[in-house]
């Protein structure tokens, strides 16, 4: 099938998030200037640069995560592993501003090392980030959309030795959870390697 996006898909549910999948989940923790903490998952999340290391997440609307980060300029991205998937889902609750999703989900908030945001103690890995940009992407006509993109530079990295094999992060141990389409999720249980070919003229 083919459809023009503006004409609609005619299917029971929008297929786009199922097509652009799997998507890593940015489990974003932040602290407001008043000291309130927030923890929320975002599936519009990825790394966009290595030198320096920049990661980004996008919020569809001006939510508490964005509000807190605007105030302090810092956030942490926590790894969602399969054993934390239920807790992660609990933190997606639409709670009032100031309510701690850490407490609501039964997770432990501990201080980061280089920033003032909390991190998830139970997470196998956390990236401590300082904001470099907050912006509204634009549509093809140049109009700002409702989504808000937050870009942060990674300044500190926490890794649990539980997920290391031979000094490498072992995805079959970390079992990161990704977002698919609809209400579906996936986790990594097996991996395979491929190497980039060398061009021979």
N, C-alpha and C. Protein backbone atom coordinates (compact mmCIF):
# COMPACT_ATOMS: atom_id res chain seq x y z
N UNK A 1 0.84 -1.19 0.00
CA UNK A 1 0.00 0.00 0.00
C UNK A 1 0.88 1.25 0.00
N UNK A 2 0.29 2.33 -0.40
CA UNK A 2 0.94 3.65 -0.33
C UNK A 2 -0.13 4.66 0.07
N UNK A 3 0.26 5.62 0.89
CA UNK A 3 -0.68 6.70 1.20
C UNK A 3 0.07 8.00 1.38
N UNK A 4 -0.59 9.08 0.99
CA UNK A 4 -0.08 10.41 1.30
C UNK A 4 -0.34 10.68 2.77
N UNK A 5 0.67 11.07 3.50
CA UNK A 5 0.53 11.21 4.94
C UNK A 5 -0.64 12.11 5.32
N UNK A 6 -0.78 13.20 4.60
CA UNK A 6 -1.84 14.16 4.95
C UNK A 6 -3.23 13.62 4.65
N UNK A 7 -3.32 12.55 3.85
CA UNK A 7 -4.63 11.97 3.53
C UNK A 7 -5.04 10.90 4.53
N UNK A 8 -4.09 10.44 5.37
CA UNK A 8 -4.42 9.40 6.35
C UNK A 8 -4.10 8.01 5.82
N UNK A 9 -3.97 7.06 6.75
CA UNK A 9 -3.52 5.71 6.41
C UNK A 9 -4.65 4.70 6.24
N UNK A 10 -5.80 4.95 6.82
CA UNK A 10 -6.92 4.02 6.68
C UNK A 10 -6.76 2.74 7.47
N UNK A 11 -5.75 2.66 8.32
CA UNK A 11 -5.52 1.48 9.15
C UNK A 11 -6.09 1.71 10.55
N UNK A 12 -6.22 0.66 11.35
CA UNK A 12 -6.78 0.84 12.70
C UNK A 12 -5.96 1.79 13.57
N UNK A 13 -4.61 1.82 13.37
CA UNK A 13 -3.75 2.69 14.14
C UNK A 13 -2.64 3.22 13.25
N UNK A 14 -2.10 4.36 13.58
CA UNK A 14 -1.01 4.97 12.82
C UNK A 14 0.19 4.01 12.81
N UNK A 15 0.69 3.63 11.62
CA UNK A 15 1.79 2.65 11.56
C UNK A 15 3.18 3.26 11.69
N UNK A 16 3.33 4.58 11.72
CA UNK A 16 4.66 5.18 11.61
C UNK A 16 5.60 4.81 12.75
N UNK A 17 5.10 4.81 13.99
CA UNK A 17 5.97 4.45 15.10
C UNK A 17 6.38 2.99 15.06
N UNK A 18 5.56 2.16 14.41
CA UNK A 18 5.91 0.75 14.24
C UNK A 18 6.96 0.59 13.15
N UNK A 19 6.96 1.50 12.19
CA UNK A 19 7.94 1.44 11.10
C UNK A 19 9.28 1.99 11.57
N UNK A 20 9.25 3.12 12.27
CA UNK A 20 10.49 3.70 12.80
C UNK A 20 10.75 3.06 14.16
N UNK A 21 11.25 1.83 14.11
CA UNK A 21 11.42 1.02 15.32
C UNK A 21 12.49 -0.03 15.06
N UNK A 22 13.14 -0.55 16.09
CA UNK A 22 12.96 -0.19 17.50
C UNK A 22 13.62 1.15 17.81
N UNK A 23 13.08 1.84 18.80
CA UNK A 23 13.63 3.12 19.23
C UNK A 23 14.14 3.00 20.66
N UNK A 24 15.40 3.38 20.92
CA UNK A 24 15.89 3.33 22.30
C UNK A 24 15.09 4.27 23.18
N UNK A 25 15.00 3.95 24.45
CA UNK A 25 14.23 4.76 25.39
C UNK A 25 15.19 5.59 26.24
N UNK A 26 15.00 6.89 26.19
CA UNK A 26 15.75 7.78 27.07
C UNK A 26 14.96 7.96 28.36
N UNK A 27 15.46 7.40 29.43
CA UNK A 27 14.78 7.50 30.73
C UNK A 27 15.38 8.71 31.43
N UNK A 28 14.71 9.82 31.30
CA UNK A 28 15.30 11.12 31.63
C UNK A 28 14.96 11.53 33.06
N UNK A 29 16.00 11.77 33.85
CA UNK A 29 15.80 12.25 35.21
C UNK A 29 16.32 13.68 35.31
N UNK A 30 15.61 14.50 36.10
CA UNK A 30 15.95 15.91 36.22
C UNK A 30 15.52 16.42 37.58
N UNK A 31 16.04 17.59 37.92
CA UNK A 31 15.68 18.24 39.19
C UNK A 31 15.38 19.70 38.91
N UNK A 32 14.29 20.21 39.48
CA UNK A 32 13.92 21.61 39.29
C UNK A 32 14.78 22.51 40.16
N UNK A 33 14.68 23.80 39.93
CA UNK A 33 15.47 24.73 40.75
C UNK A 33 15.00 24.73 42.20
N UNK A 34 13.75 24.28 42.44
CA UNK A 34 13.24 24.16 43.81
C UNK A 34 13.63 22.85 44.46
N UNK A 35 14.25 21.95 43.68
CA UNK A 35 14.68 20.68 44.23
C UNK A 35 13.73 19.51 44.00
N UNK A 36 12.63 19.75 43.27
CA UNK A 36 11.73 18.65 42.94
C UNK A 36 12.37 17.78 41.87
N UNK A 37 12.08 16.46 41.90
CA UNK A 37 12.70 15.56 40.94
C UNK A 37 11.65 14.98 40.00
N UNK A 38 12.12 14.62 38.80
CA UNK A 38 11.23 14.07 37.78
C UNK A 38 11.95 12.94 37.07
N UNK A 39 11.19 11.92 36.67
CA UNK A 39 11.74 10.80 35.91
C UNK A 39 10.69 10.36 34.90
N UNK A 40 11.07 10.36 33.62
CA UNK A 40 10.10 10.03 32.58
C UNK A 40 10.80 9.39 31.38
N UNK A 41 10.12 8.43 30.71
CA UNK A 41 10.70 7.78 29.53
C UNK A 41 10.31 8.51 28.23
N UNK A 42 11.29 8.58 27.32
CA UNK A 42 11.06 9.20 26.01
C UNK A 42 11.62 8.29 24.93
N UNK A 43 10.77 7.90 23.97
CA UNK A 43 11.24 7.00 22.92
C UNK A 43 11.73 7.76 21.70
N UNK A 44 11.59 9.08 21.68
CA UNK A 44 12.27 9.88 20.67
C UNK A 44 13.60 10.30 21.29
N UNK A 45 14.59 9.41 21.18
CA UNK A 45 15.84 9.55 21.92
C UNK A 45 16.96 8.89 21.14
N UNK A 46 18.13 9.53 21.12
CA UNK A 46 19.28 8.89 20.48
C UNK A 46 20.55 9.69 20.71
N UNK A 47 21.70 9.10 20.32
CA UNK A 47 22.97 9.80 20.33
C UNK A 47 23.18 10.38 18.95
N UNK A 48 23.64 11.64 18.89
CA UNK A 48 23.75 12.31 17.59
C UNK A 48 25.18 12.74 17.27
N UNK A 49 26.12 12.57 18.20
CA UNK A 49 27.50 12.94 17.96
C UNK A 49 28.39 12.21 18.96
N UNK A 50 29.65 11.95 18.55
CA UNK A 50 30.58 11.30 19.47
C UNK A 50 31.68 12.23 19.96
N UNK A 51 32.03 13.27 19.21
CA UNK A 51 33.10 14.19 19.60
C UNK A 51 32.64 15.64 19.43
N UNK A 52 32.04 16.21 20.47
CA UNK A 52 31.76 15.62 21.77
C UNK A 52 30.57 14.68 21.69
N UNK A 53 30.35 13.93 22.76
CA UNK A 53 29.20 13.02 22.78
C UNK A 53 27.95 13.83 23.09
N UNK A 54 27.03 13.88 22.13
CA UNK A 54 25.77 14.58 22.30
C UNK A 54 24.63 13.58 22.19
N UNK A 55 23.67 13.68 23.10
CA UNK A 55 22.45 12.88 23.00
C UNK A 55 21.26 13.82 22.98
N UNK A 56 20.15 13.34 22.48
CA UNK A 56 18.97 14.19 22.42
C UNK A 56 17.73 13.37 22.75
N UNK A 57 16.73 14.07 23.29
CA UNK A 57 15.39 13.49 23.39
C UNK A 57 14.39 14.53 22.98
N UNK A 58 13.24 14.08 22.55
CA UNK A 58 12.19 14.99 22.10
C UNK A 58 10.93 14.74 22.91
N UNK A 59 10.35 15.82 23.41
CA UNK A 59 9.11 15.75 24.18
C UNK A 59 7.97 16.31 23.34
N UNK A 60 6.91 15.54 23.19
CA UNK A 60 5.75 16.05 22.45
C UNK A 60 4.90 16.89 23.41
N UNK A 61 5.29 18.15 23.52
CA UNK A 61 4.63 19.07 24.44
C UNK A 61 5.59 19.48 25.54
N UNK A 62 5.24 20.54 26.23
CA UNK A 62 6.10 21.12 27.26
C UNK A 62 5.81 20.42 28.59
N UNK A 63 6.49 19.30 28.83
CA UNK A 63 6.24 18.49 30.02
C UNK A 63 7.22 18.86 31.13
N UNK A 64 7.04 18.23 32.30
CA UNK A 64 7.87 18.57 33.46
C UNK A 64 9.35 18.37 33.19
N UNK A 65 9.71 17.32 32.46
CA UNK A 65 11.12 17.09 32.16
C UNK A 65 11.74 18.31 31.50
N UNK A 66 11.07 18.81 30.48
CA UNK A 66 11.58 19.98 29.75
C UNK A 66 11.62 21.20 30.66
N UNK A 67 10.56 21.39 31.44
CA UNK A 67 10.48 22.53 32.34
C UNK A 67 11.62 22.53 33.35
N UNK A 68 11.87 21.37 33.97
CA UNK A 68 12.94 21.27 34.96
C UNK A 68 14.31 21.50 34.31
N UNK A 69 14.49 20.93 33.13
CA UNK A 69 15.77 21.05 32.44
C UNK A 69 16.02 22.48 31.98
N UNK A 70 14.97 23.16 31.57
CA UNK A 70 15.12 24.57 31.22
C UNK A 70 15.61 25.39 32.41
N UNK A 71 15.14 25.03 33.59
CA UNK A 71 15.52 25.77 34.80
C UNK A 71 16.97 25.53 35.22
N UNK A 72 17.45 24.30 35.02
CA UNK A 72 18.77 23.95 35.56
C UNK A 72 19.85 23.69 34.52
N UNK A 73 19.43 23.36 33.29
CA UNK A 73 20.40 23.09 32.23
C UNK A 73 21.10 21.75 32.35
N UNK A 74 20.49 20.81 33.09
CA UNK A 74 21.12 19.50 33.31
C UNK A 74 20.07 18.39 33.28
N UNK A 75 20.51 17.19 32.90
CA UNK A 75 19.64 16.02 33.00
C UNK A 75 20.50 14.77 32.93
N UNK A 76 19.92 13.64 33.31
CA UNK A 76 20.59 12.35 33.20
C UNK A 76 19.71 11.41 32.37
N UNK A 77 20.35 10.58 31.57
CA UNK A 77 19.65 9.57 30.78
C UNK A 77 20.03 8.20 31.32
N UNK A 78 19.05 7.48 31.82
CA UNK A 78 19.26 6.19 32.48
C UNK A 78 18.88 5.05 31.54
N UNK A 79 19.68 3.99 31.56
CA UNK A 79 19.42 2.83 30.71
C UNK A 79 18.23 2.03 31.23
N UNK A 80 17.28 1.76 30.34
CA UNK A 80 16.14 0.91 30.70
C UNK A 80 16.46 -0.52 30.30
N UNK A 81 16.66 -1.38 31.27
CA UNK A 81 16.90 -2.80 31.02
C UNK A 81 15.60 -3.57 31.24
N UNK A 82 15.57 -4.81 30.76
CA UNK A 82 14.34 -5.58 30.82
C UNK A 82 13.80 -5.73 32.24
N UNK A 83 14.70 -5.85 33.22
CA UNK A 83 14.26 -6.03 34.60
C UNK A 83 13.64 -4.77 35.19
N UNK A 84 13.80 -3.64 34.50
CA UNK A 84 13.23 -2.37 34.97
C UNK A 84 12.08 -1.88 34.10
N UNK A 85 11.62 -2.72 33.18
CA UNK A 85 10.60 -2.28 32.23
C UNK A 85 9.29 -1.90 32.90
N UNK A 86 8.88 -2.64 33.91
CA UNK A 86 7.63 -2.31 34.61
C UNK A 86 7.76 -0.99 35.35
N UNK A 87 8.89 -0.80 36.01
CA UNK A 87 9.14 0.46 36.72
C UNK A 87 9.21 1.62 35.74
N UNK A 88 9.86 1.41 34.58
CA UNK A 88 9.92 2.45 33.56
C UNK A 88 8.53 2.86 33.12
N UNK A 89 7.69 1.86 32.87
CA UNK A 89 6.33 2.16 32.42
C UNK A 89 5.56 2.94 33.49
N UNK A 90 5.81 2.62 34.75
CA UNK A 90 5.14 3.34 35.83
C UNK A 90 5.51 4.82 35.83
N UNK A 91 6.75 5.13 35.43
CA UNK A 91 7.19 6.53 35.44
C UNK A 91 6.61 7.33 34.28
N UNK A 92 5.87 6.68 33.39
CA UNK A 92 5.21 7.41 32.31
C UNK A 92 3.87 7.99 32.76
N UNK A 93 3.51 7.77 34.01
CA UNK A 93 2.24 8.29 34.54
C UNK A 93 2.20 9.82 34.42
N UNK A 94 1.02 10.33 34.12
CA UNK A 94 0.85 11.78 33.99
C UNK A 94 0.58 12.37 35.37
N UNK A 95 1.63 12.45 36.17
CA UNK A 95 1.50 12.92 37.55
C UNK A 95 1.61 14.45 37.60
N UNK A 96 1.06 15.07 38.63
CA UNK A 96 1.18 16.52 38.78
C UNK A 96 2.63 16.94 38.96
N UNK A 97 2.93 18.16 38.57
CA UNK A 97 4.29 18.69 38.74
C UNK A 97 4.70 18.60 40.20
N UNK A 98 5.92 18.13 40.41
CA UNK A 98 6.44 18.03 41.77
C UNK A 98 6.30 16.67 42.39
N UNK A 99 5.46 15.80 41.81
CA UNK A 99 5.33 14.43 42.30
C UNK A 99 6.54 13.63 41.82
N UNK A 100 7.18 12.91 42.70
CA UNK A 100 8.37 12.14 42.35
C UNK A 100 7.99 10.81 41.72
N UNK A 101 8.33 10.63 40.46
CA UNK A 101 8.10 9.34 39.81
C UNK A 101 9.03 8.27 40.37
N UNK A 102 10.14 8.68 40.98
CA UNK A 102 11.00 7.72 41.66
C UNK A 102 10.19 7.02 42.77
N UNK A 103 9.56 7.82 43.61
CA UNK A 103 8.78 7.26 44.71
C UNK A 103 7.58 6.48 44.19
N UNK A 104 6.90 7.02 43.18
CA UNK A 104 5.71 6.38 42.64
C UNK A 104 6.03 4.98 42.10
N UNK A 105 7.20 4.83 41.48
CA UNK A 105 7.56 3.56 40.84
C UNK A 105 8.40 2.66 41.73
N UNK A 106 8.77 3.14 42.93
CA UNK A 106 9.57 2.34 43.84
C UNK A 106 11.04 2.28 43.50
N UNK A 107 11.52 3.25 42.72
CA UNK A 107 12.92 3.31 42.34
C UNK A 107 13.71 4.19 43.31
N UNK A 108 15.02 4.02 43.29
CA UNK A 108 15.89 4.77 44.20
C UNK A 108 16.58 5.91 43.45
N UNK A 109 16.40 7.12 43.94
CA UNK A 109 17.08 8.29 43.37
C UNK A 109 18.37 8.53 44.13
N UNK A 110 19.48 8.58 43.39
CA UNK A 110 20.78 8.90 44.00
C UNK A 110 21.38 10.06 43.23
N UNK A 111 22.29 10.78 43.88
CA UNK A 111 22.90 11.95 43.26
C UNK A 111 23.83 11.53 42.13
N UNK A 112 23.87 12.35 41.09
CA UNK A 112 24.89 12.20 40.06
C UNK A 112 26.21 12.73 40.58
N UNK A 113 27.26 12.56 39.81
CA UNK A 113 28.60 12.96 40.23
C UNK A 113 28.97 14.36 39.76
N UNK A 114 28.59 14.71 38.53
CA UNK A 114 29.02 15.98 37.94
C UNK A 114 27.89 16.98 37.73
N UNK A 115 26.65 16.54 37.88
CA UNK A 115 25.50 17.43 37.72
C UNK A 115 24.59 17.28 38.93
N UNK A 116 23.62 18.18 39.02
CA UNK A 116 22.75 18.20 40.20
C UNK A 116 21.47 17.39 40.01
N UNK A 117 21.31 16.73 38.88
CA UNK A 117 20.13 15.90 38.66
C UNK A 117 20.31 14.55 39.34
N UNK A 118 19.21 13.88 39.71
CA UNK A 118 19.32 12.53 40.26
C UNK A 118 19.48 11.50 39.15
N UNK A 119 19.86 10.29 39.53
CA UNK A 119 19.89 9.18 38.59
C UNK A 119 19.21 7.98 39.23
N UNK A 120 18.89 6.98 38.40
CA UNK A 120 18.24 5.76 38.87
C UNK A 120 19.32 4.80 39.38
N UNK A 121 19.32 4.55 40.68
CA UNK A 121 20.35 3.69 41.27
C UNK A 121 20.31 2.28 40.68
N UNK A 122 19.13 1.81 40.34
CA UNK A 122 18.98 0.44 39.84
C UNK A 122 19.40 0.28 38.38
N UNK A 123 19.60 1.37 37.67
CA UNK A 123 19.95 1.30 36.24
C UNK A 123 21.38 0.81 36.06
N UNK A 124 21.60 0.00 35.03
CA UNK A 124 22.95 -0.50 34.74
C UNK A 124 23.88 0.60 34.24
N UNK A 125 23.31 1.66 33.67
CA UNK A 125 24.14 2.75 33.15
C UNK A 125 23.35 4.05 33.17
N UNK A 126 24.08 5.15 33.38
CA UNK A 126 23.49 6.48 33.34
C UNK A 126 24.47 7.44 32.68
N UNK A 127 23.93 8.32 31.85
CA UNK A 127 24.72 9.37 31.21
C UNK A 127 24.36 10.71 31.85
N UNK A 128 25.35 11.38 32.41
CA UNK A 128 25.13 12.71 32.99
C UNK A 128 25.35 13.74 31.90
N UNK A 129 24.39 14.65 31.75
CA UNK A 129 24.41 15.56 30.60
C UNK A 129 24.21 17.03 31.01
N UNK A 130 24.88 17.89 30.27
CA UNK A 130 24.69 19.34 30.37
C UNK A 130 24.06 19.81 29.07
N UNK A 131 23.00 20.59 29.16
CA UNK A 131 22.25 21.01 27.98
C UNK A 131 23.07 21.92 27.07
N UNK A 132 22.99 21.65 25.77
CA UNK A 132 23.61 22.53 24.79
C UNK A 132 22.58 23.29 23.96
N UNK A 133 21.40 22.68 23.76
CA UNK A 133 20.34 23.32 22.98
C UNK A 133 18.98 22.81 23.43
N UNK A 134 18.01 23.70 23.39
CA UNK A 134 16.59 23.33 23.50
C UNK A 134 15.89 24.06 22.37
N UNK A 135 15.24 23.30 21.52
CA UNK A 135 14.67 23.94 20.32
C UNK A 135 13.39 23.26 19.89
N UNK A 136 12.60 23.98 19.10
CA UNK A 136 11.40 23.43 18.47
C UNK A 136 11.74 23.08 17.02
N UNK A 137 11.68 21.81 16.63
CA UNK A 137 11.85 21.48 15.21
C UNK A 137 10.76 22.15 14.38
N UNK A 138 11.01 22.26 13.08
CA UNK A 138 10.05 22.91 12.18
C UNK A 138 9.54 21.92 11.14
N UNK A 139 8.33 22.17 10.65
CA UNK A 139 7.79 21.35 9.56
C UNK A 139 8.34 21.84 8.23
N UNK A 140 7.90 21.23 7.14
CA UNK A 140 8.46 21.57 5.83
C UNK A 140 8.11 22.97 5.36
N UNK A 141 7.15 23.60 6.05
CA UNK A 141 6.79 24.98 5.71
C UNK A 141 7.50 26.00 6.59
N UNK A 142 8.36 25.50 7.49
CA UNK A 142 9.10 26.40 8.36
C UNK A 142 8.38 26.77 9.64
N UNK A 143 7.27 26.09 9.93
CA UNK A 143 6.51 26.38 11.14
C UNK A 143 6.97 25.49 12.30
N UNK A 144 7.21 26.07 13.49
CA UNK A 144 7.60 25.26 14.65
C UNK A 144 6.51 24.25 15.00
N UNK A 145 6.91 23.03 15.36
CA UNK A 145 5.96 22.00 15.77
C UNK A 145 5.89 21.98 17.29
N UNK A 146 4.95 21.20 17.83
CA UNK A 146 4.74 21.17 19.28
C UNK A 146 5.86 20.44 20.01
N UNK A 147 6.59 19.58 19.30
CA UNK A 147 7.67 18.82 19.95
C UNK A 147 8.81 19.75 20.35
N UNK A 148 9.45 19.40 21.47
CA UNK A 148 10.59 20.16 21.98
C UNK A 148 11.78 19.23 22.04
N UNK A 149 12.86 19.60 21.34
CA UNK A 149 14.07 18.79 21.30
C UNK A 149 15.08 19.33 22.31
N UNK A 150 15.57 18.44 23.16
CA UNK A 150 16.59 18.79 24.16
C UNK A 150 17.87 18.05 23.80
N UNK A 151 18.95 18.79 23.61
CA UNK A 151 20.25 18.19 23.29
C UNK A 151 21.18 18.44 24.46
N UNK A 152 21.87 17.38 24.89
CA UNK A 152 22.80 17.50 26.00
C UNK A 152 24.14 16.88 25.68
N UNK A 153 25.20 17.48 26.24
CA UNK A 153 26.54 16.92 26.10
C UNK A 153 26.82 16.01 27.29
N UNK A 154 27.26 14.80 27.01
CA UNK A 154 27.56 13.84 28.06
C UNK A 154 28.87 14.24 28.75
N UNK A 155 28.79 14.44 30.07
CA UNK A 155 29.98 14.84 30.84
C UNK A 155 30.40 13.76 31.84
N UNK A 156 29.55 12.78 32.06
CA UNK A 156 29.87 11.71 32.99
C UNK A 156 29.12 10.44 32.63
N UNK A 157 29.75 9.29 32.84
CA UNK A 157 29.15 8.01 32.45
C UNK A 157 29.26 7.02 33.61
N UNK A 158 28.13 6.45 34.00
CA UNK A 158 28.10 5.37 35.00
C UNK A 158 27.83 4.05 34.28
N UNK A 159 28.64 3.02 34.57
CA UNK A 159 28.41 1.69 34.01
C UNK A 159 28.57 0.66 35.12
N UNK A 160 27.57 -0.19 35.28
CA UNK A 160 27.68 -1.29 36.23
C UNK A 160 28.56 -2.39 35.65
N UNK A 161 29.46 -2.91 36.46
CA UNK A 161 30.32 -4.00 35.99
C UNK A 161 29.52 -5.28 35.70
N UNK A 162 28.28 -5.31 36.15
CA UNK A 162 27.43 -6.47 35.89
C UNK A 162 27.19 -6.69 34.40
N UNK A 163 27.28 -5.62 33.60
CA UNK A 163 26.96 -5.76 32.18
C UNK A 163 28.22 -5.77 31.30
N UNK A 164 29.39 -5.88 31.93
CA UNK A 164 30.63 -5.92 31.16
C UNK A 164 31.10 -7.36 30.93
N UNK A 165 31.54 -7.62 29.71
CA UNK A 165 32.18 -8.89 29.36
C UNK A 165 33.46 -8.57 28.60
N UNK A 166 34.60 -8.90 29.19
CA UNK A 166 35.87 -8.60 28.54
C UNK A 166 36.07 -7.11 28.33
N UNK A 167 35.53 -6.30 29.22
CA UNK A 167 35.68 -4.86 29.11
C UNK A 167 34.72 -4.19 28.15
N UNK A 168 33.82 -4.95 27.55
CA UNK A 168 32.83 -4.41 26.62
C UNK A 168 31.43 -4.50 27.24
N UNK A 169 30.59 -3.51 26.92
CA UNK A 169 29.20 -3.57 27.37
C UNK A 169 28.50 -4.69 26.61
N UNK A 170 27.99 -5.64 27.34
CA UNK A 170 27.36 -6.84 26.77
C UNK A 170 25.85 -6.61 26.72
N UNK A 171 25.34 -6.46 25.50
CA UNK A 171 23.92 -6.15 25.35
C UNK A 171 23.01 -7.29 25.81
N UNK A 172 23.52 -8.53 25.79
CA UNK A 172 22.69 -9.64 26.26
C UNK A 172 22.60 -9.65 27.78
N UNK A 173 23.52 -8.96 28.45
CA UNK A 173 23.42 -8.79 29.90
C UNK A 173 22.61 -7.55 30.24
N UNK A 174 22.83 -6.47 29.49
CA UNK A 174 22.11 -5.22 29.76
C UNK A 174 20.64 -5.33 29.37
N UNK A 175 20.36 -6.10 28.31
CA UNK A 175 18.99 -6.29 27.80
C UNK A 175 18.23 -4.97 27.73
N UNK A 176 18.74 -4.00 26.96
CA UNK A 176 18.04 -2.72 26.86
C UNK A 176 16.66 -2.88 26.23
N UNK A 177 15.72 -2.12 26.75
CA UNK A 177 14.34 -2.15 26.27
C UNK A 177 14.16 -1.05 25.23
N UNK A 178 13.49 -1.38 24.15
CA UNK A 178 13.21 -0.39 23.11
C UNK A 178 11.70 -0.29 22.88
N UNK A 179 11.31 0.83 22.31
CA UNK A 179 9.89 1.08 22.02
C UNK A 179 9.62 0.70 20.57
N UNK A 180 8.53 -0.01 20.37
CA UNK A 180 8.08 -0.35 19.03
C UNK A 180 6.83 0.48 18.73
N UNK A 181 5.98 -0.01 17.86
CA UNK A 181 4.74 0.69 17.60
C UNK A 181 3.64 0.28 18.57
N UNK A 182 2.55 1.05 18.53
CA UNK A 182 1.38 0.72 19.33
C UNK A 182 1.75 0.64 20.82
N UNK A 183 1.42 -0.45 21.51
CA UNK A 183 1.79 -0.59 22.92
C UNK A 183 2.90 -1.63 23.10
N UNK A 184 3.69 -1.83 22.05
CA UNK A 184 4.68 -2.91 22.05
C UNK A 184 6.08 -2.42 22.42
N UNK A 185 6.83 -3.29 23.10
CA UNK A 185 8.21 -3.05 23.48
C UNK A 185 9.03 -4.28 23.09
N UNK A 186 10.36 -4.14 23.10
CA UNK A 186 11.24 -5.28 22.83
C UNK A 186 12.49 -5.13 23.68
N UNK A 187 13.17 -6.25 23.93
CA UNK A 187 14.46 -6.21 24.61
C UNK A 187 15.44 -7.09 23.85
N UNK A 188 16.73 -6.83 24.05
CA UNK A 188 17.77 -7.56 23.33
C UNK A 188 18.09 -8.86 24.05
N UNK A 189 18.01 -9.97 23.35
CA UNK A 189 18.38 -11.27 23.92
C UNK A 189 19.52 -11.92 23.16
N UNK A 190 19.75 -11.49 21.90
CA UNK A 190 20.88 -12.00 21.14
C UNK A 190 21.38 -10.92 20.19
N UNK A 191 22.65 -11.00 19.85
CA UNK A 191 23.26 -10.02 18.96
C UNK A 191 24.09 -10.73 17.90
N UNK A 192 24.48 -10.03 16.85
CA UNK A 192 25.43 -10.55 15.87
C UNK A 192 26.30 -9.39 15.40
N UNK A 193 27.48 -9.73 14.88
CA UNK A 193 28.44 -8.71 14.45
C UNK A 193 28.54 -8.66 12.94
N UNK A 194 28.78 -7.47 12.43
CA UNK A 194 29.16 -7.26 11.04
C UNK A 194 30.19 -6.17 11.00
N UNK A 195 31.14 -6.26 10.08
CA UNK A 195 32.19 -5.27 9.96
C UNK A 195 32.07 -4.55 8.62
N UNK A 196 32.34 -3.25 8.63
CA UNK A 196 32.25 -2.45 7.43
C UNK A 196 33.29 -2.94 6.41
N UNK A 197 32.89 -3.17 5.16
CA UNK A 197 33.85 -3.65 4.16
C UNK A 197 34.84 -2.55 3.76
N UNK A 198 36.02 -3.00 3.33
CA UNK A 198 37.02 -2.07 2.81
C UNK A 198 36.89 -2.01 1.30
N UNK A 199 36.94 -0.80 0.77
CA UNK A 199 36.77 -0.63 -0.67
C UNK A 199 38.08 -0.98 -1.38
N UNK A 200 38.00 -1.93 -2.31
CA UNK A 200 39.15 -2.33 -3.11
C UNK A 200 38.95 -1.86 -4.53
N UNK A 201 39.79 -0.94 -4.98
CA UNK A 201 39.64 -0.43 -6.36
C UNK A 201 40.29 -1.40 -7.33
